[in-house]
C-alpha atoms as a PDB file:
ATOM      1  CA  MET A   1       6.059 -56.487  27.341  1.00  0.00           C
ATOM      2  CA  GLY A   2       4.802 -59.011  29.927  1.00  0.00           C
ATOM      3  CA  LEU A   3       5.299 -58.400  33.756  1.00  0.00           C
ATOM      4  CA  VAL A   4       8.153 -60.229  33.982  1.00  0.00           C
ATOM      5  CA  GLY A   5       9.837 -58.595  31.503  1.00  0.00           C
ATOM      6  CA  LEU A   6       9.114 -55.526  33.228  1.00  0.00           C
ATOM      7  CA  ARG A   7      10.170 -57.010  36.735  1.00  0.00           C
ATOM      8  CA  GLU A   8      13.578 -57.917  34.671  1.00  0.00           C
ATOM      9  CA  ASP A   9      14.038 -53.800  33.921  1.00  0.00           C
ATOM     10  CA  VAL A  10      13.151 -52.337  36.929  1.00  0.00           C
ATOM     11  CA  CYS A  11      15.200 -54.604  38.924  1.00  0.00           C
ATOM     12  CA  TRP A  12      18.039 -53.476  36.117  1.00  0.00           C
ATOM     13  CA  LEU A  13      17.360 -49.609  36.378  1.00  0.00           C
ATOM     14  CA  TYR A  14      17.354 -49.825  40.536  1.00  0.00           C
ATOM     15  CA  ALA A  15      20.740 -51.703  40.469  1.00  0.00           C
ATOM     16  CA  HIS A  16      22.435 -49.402  37.815  1.00  0.00           C
ATOM     17  CA  PHE A  17      21.172 -45.902  38.928  1.00  0.00           C
ATOM     18  CA  LEU A  18      20.573 -44.172  42.326  1.00  0.00           C
ATOM     19  CA  VAL A  19      16.369 -43.987  42.237  1.00  0.00           C
ATOM     20  CA  SER A  20      14.147 -45.903  44.251  1.00  0.00           C
ATOM     21  CA  GLN A  21      12.276 -48.848  43.363  1.00  0.00           C
ATOM     22  CA  ARG A  22       8.800 -46.197  44.011  1.00  0.00           C
ATOM     23  CA  ARG A  23      10.686 -44.067  41.336  1.00  0.00           C
ATOM     24  CA  VAL A  24      11.954 -46.385  38.414  1.00  0.00           C
ATOM     25  CA  CYS A  25       8.489 -48.860  38.920  1.00  0.00           C
ATOM     26  CA  GLU A  26       7.124 -45.498  38.317  1.00  0.00           C
ATOM     27  CA  LEU A  27       8.253 -44.704  35.685  1.00  0.00           C
ATOM     28  CA  LEU A  28       8.225 -47.710  33.332  1.00  0.00           C
ATOM     29  CA  GLY A  29       4.502 -47.546  34.456  1.00  0.00           C
ATOM     30  CA  MET A  30       4.315 -50.574  36.787  1.00  0.00           C
ATOM     31  CA  ALA A  31       2.719 -51.025  40.429  1.00  0.00           C
ATOM     32  CA  GLU A  32       4.727 -51.569  43.387  1.00  0.00           C
ATOM     33  CA  SER A  33       3.190 -54.651  44.536  1.00  0.00           C
ATOM     34  CA  SER A  34       2.873 -55.968  41.068  1.00  0.00           C
ATOM     35  CA  TYR A  35       6.971 -55.548  41.059  1.00  0.00           C
ATOM     36  CA  ARG A  36       7.366 -57.307  45.291  1.00  0.00           C
ATOM     37  CA  TYR A  37       4.971 -59.791  44.358  1.00  0.00           C
ATOM     38  CA  ARG A  38       6.073 -63.279  44.663  1.00  0.00           C
ATOM     39  CA  SER A  39       4.067 -66.997  44.327  1.00  0.00           C
ATOM     40  CA  ARG A  40       3.451 -68.949  47.344  1.00  0.00           C
ATOM     41  CA  ARG A  41       2.061 -71.800  44.881  1.00  0.00           C
ATOM     42  CA  ASN A  42       3.425 -75.022  45.614  1.00  0.00           C
ATOM     43  CA  ASP A  43       1.905 -77.324  43.649  1.00  0.00           C
ATOM     44  CA  ALA A  44       5.152 -80.035  43.785  1.00  0.00           C
ATOM     45  CA  ALA A  45       2.865 -82.432  45.154  1.00  0.00           C
ATOM     46  CA  LEU A  46       0.349 -82.387  42.357  1.00  0.00           C
ATOM     47  CA  ARG A  47       3.265 -81.952  39.701  1.00  0.00           C
ATOM     48  CA  ASN A  48       4.623 -85.656  41.197  1.00  0.00           C
ATOM     49  CA  ARG A  49       1.343 -87.524  41.516  1.00  0.00           C
ATOM     50  CA  LEU A  50       0.225 -86.066  38.094  1.00  0.00           C
ATOM     51  CA  VAL A  51       3.816 -87.553  36.606  1.00  0.00           C
ATOM     52  CA  GLU A  52       2.977 -91.172  38.629  1.00  0.00           C
ATOM     53  CA  LEU A  53      -0.467 -91.232  36.942  1.00  0.00           C
ATOM     54  CA  ALA A  54       0.289 -90.224  33.176  1.00  0.00           C
ATOM     55  CA  ARG A  55       2.827 -93.275  33.424  1.00  0.00           C
ATOM     56  CA  GLU A  56       0.379 -95.457  34.763  1.00  0.00           C
ATOM     57  CA  LYS A  57      -2.244 -93.814  31.949  1.00  0.00           C
ATOM     58  CA  PRO A  58      -0.351 -92.469  29.107  1.00  0.00           C
ATOM     59  CA  ARG A  59      -2.783 -91.743  26.967  1.00  0.00           C
ATOM     60  CA  PHE A  60      -5.302 -90.038  29.206  1.00  0.00           C
ATOM     61  CA  GLY A  61      -5.488 -86.198  29.136  1.00  0.00           C
ATOM     62  CA  TYR A  62      -6.241 -83.988  32.172  1.00  0.00           C
ATOM     63  CA  ARG A  63      -9.312 -84.578  32.189  1.00  0.00           C
ATOM     64  CA  ARG A  64      -9.622 -87.986  33.185  1.00  0.00           C
ATOM     65  CA  LEU A  65      -6.519 -87.746  35.469  1.00  0.00           C
ATOM     66  CA  HIS A  66      -8.328 -85.025  37.362  1.00  0.00           C
ATOM     67  CA  VAL A  67     -11.170 -87.845  37.753  1.00  0.00           C
ATOM     68  CA  LEU A  68      -8.598 -90.248  38.837  1.00  0.00           C
ATOM     69  CA  LEU A  69      -7.187 -87.447  41.125  1.00  0.00           C
ATOM     70  CA  ARG A  70     -10.859 -86.865  42.161  1.00  0.00           C
ATOM     71  CA  ARG A  71     -11.647 -90.487  42.778  1.00  0.00           C
ATOM     72  CA  THR A  72      -8.060 -90.945  45.468  1.00  0.00           C
ATOM     73  CA  GLY A  73      -9.868 -88.186  47.654  1.00  0.00           C
ATOM     74  CA  GLU A  74      -8.222 -85.347  46.508  1.00  0.00           C
ATOM     75  CA  ARG A  75     -10.008 -82.168  45.640  1.00  0.00           C
ATOM     76  CA  VAL A  76      -8.254 -80.333  43.121  1.00  0.00           C
ATOM     77  CA  ASN A  77      -9.428 -77.593  40.475  1.00  0.00           C
ATOM     78  CA  HIS A  78      -9.823 -79.079  37.191  1.00  0.00           C
ATOM     79  CA  LYS A  79      -8.273 -75.463  35.922  1.00  0.00           C
ATOM     80  CA  ARG A  80      -5.327 -76.339  38.305  1.00  0.00           C
ATOM     81  CA  VAL A  81      -4.339 -79.545  37.215  1.00  0.00           C
ATOM     82  CA  TYR A  82      -4.352 -78.636  33.237  1.00  0.00           C
ATOM     83  CA  ARG A  83      -1.736 -75.508  34.135  1.00  0.00           C
ATOM     84  CA  VAL A  84       0.233 -77.791  36.085  1.00  0.00           C
ATOM     85  CA  TYR A  85      -0.460 -80.658  33.691  1.00  0.00           C
ATOM     86  CA  ARG A  86       0.802 -78.900  30.637  1.00  0.00           C
ATOM     87  CA  GLU A  87       4.121 -77.266  32.592  1.00  0.00           C
ATOM     88  CA  ALA A  88       5.434 -80.805  33.344  1.00  0.00           C
ATOM     89  CA  GLY A  89       4.914 -81.248  29.747  1.00  0.00           C
ATOM     90  CA  LEU A  90       2.334 -84.063  30.150  1.00  0.00           C
ATOM     91  CA  LEU A  91       0.480 -82.907  26.631  1.00  0.00           C
ATOM     92  CA  VAL A  92      -1.025 -86.785  25.226  1.00  0.00           C
ATOM     93  CA  ARG A  93       0.195 -85.955  21.816  1.00  0.00           C
ATOM     94  CA  ARG A  94      -2.555 -86.767  18.588  1.00  0.00           C
ATOM     95  CA  LYS A  95      -2.991 -89.635  15.699  1.00  0.00           C
ATOM     96  CA  ALA A  96      -1.103 -88.879  12.494  1.00  0.00           C
ATOM     97  CA  ALA A  97      -3.823 -88.522   9.669  1.00  0.00           C
ATOM     98  CA  ARG A  98      -4.336 -91.575   7.705  1.00  0.00           C
ATOM     99  CA  GLY A  99      -3.445 -91.162   4.042  1.00  0.00           C
ATOM    100  CA  CYS A 100      -5.834 -91.675   1.545  1.00  0.00           C
ATOM    101  CA  ASN A 101      -6.376 -94.773  -0.685  1.00  0.00           C
ATOM    102  CA  ALA A 102      -8.138 -95.986  -3.190  1.00  0.00           C
ATOM    103  CA  LYS A 103     -11.350 -96.160  -1.578  1.00  0.00           C
ATOM    104  CA  ASP A 104     -11.168 -92.376  -1.062  1.00  0.00           C
ATOM    105  CA  ALA A 105     -10.784 -91.112  -4.696  1.00  0.00           C
ATOM    106  CA  ARG A 106     -13.766 -89.558  -4.243  1.00  0.00           C
ATOM    107  CA  ARG A 107     -13.336 -88.292  -0.983  1.00  0.00           C
ATOM    108  CA  ARG A 108     -11.307 -84.692  -0.909  1.00  0.00           C
ATOM    109  CA  CYS A 109      -8.352 -86.180   1.699  1.00  0.00           C
END
């Protein structure tokens, strides 16, 4: 069970039983700080820029888009670019393998 699942369980137990958050977290083996953590990360601007670049250059992957971002002066970590790229669903589709023909009969296809 992941952290998200544990958070949901803590919420449910806390709402349905008269027990403290501390006790519920202790029962489930989860740190209270993990339960209360809220991310302050906002990648909306980067996501919009990546989508815009991907529409201009649909065959570019996240590495080449990262280079384009750096050329325009944006300082962005490549790992962050990859994460946002995946979350936006911008994966470049791979080309399908070609079938065998008579010339390829000697080789395995």
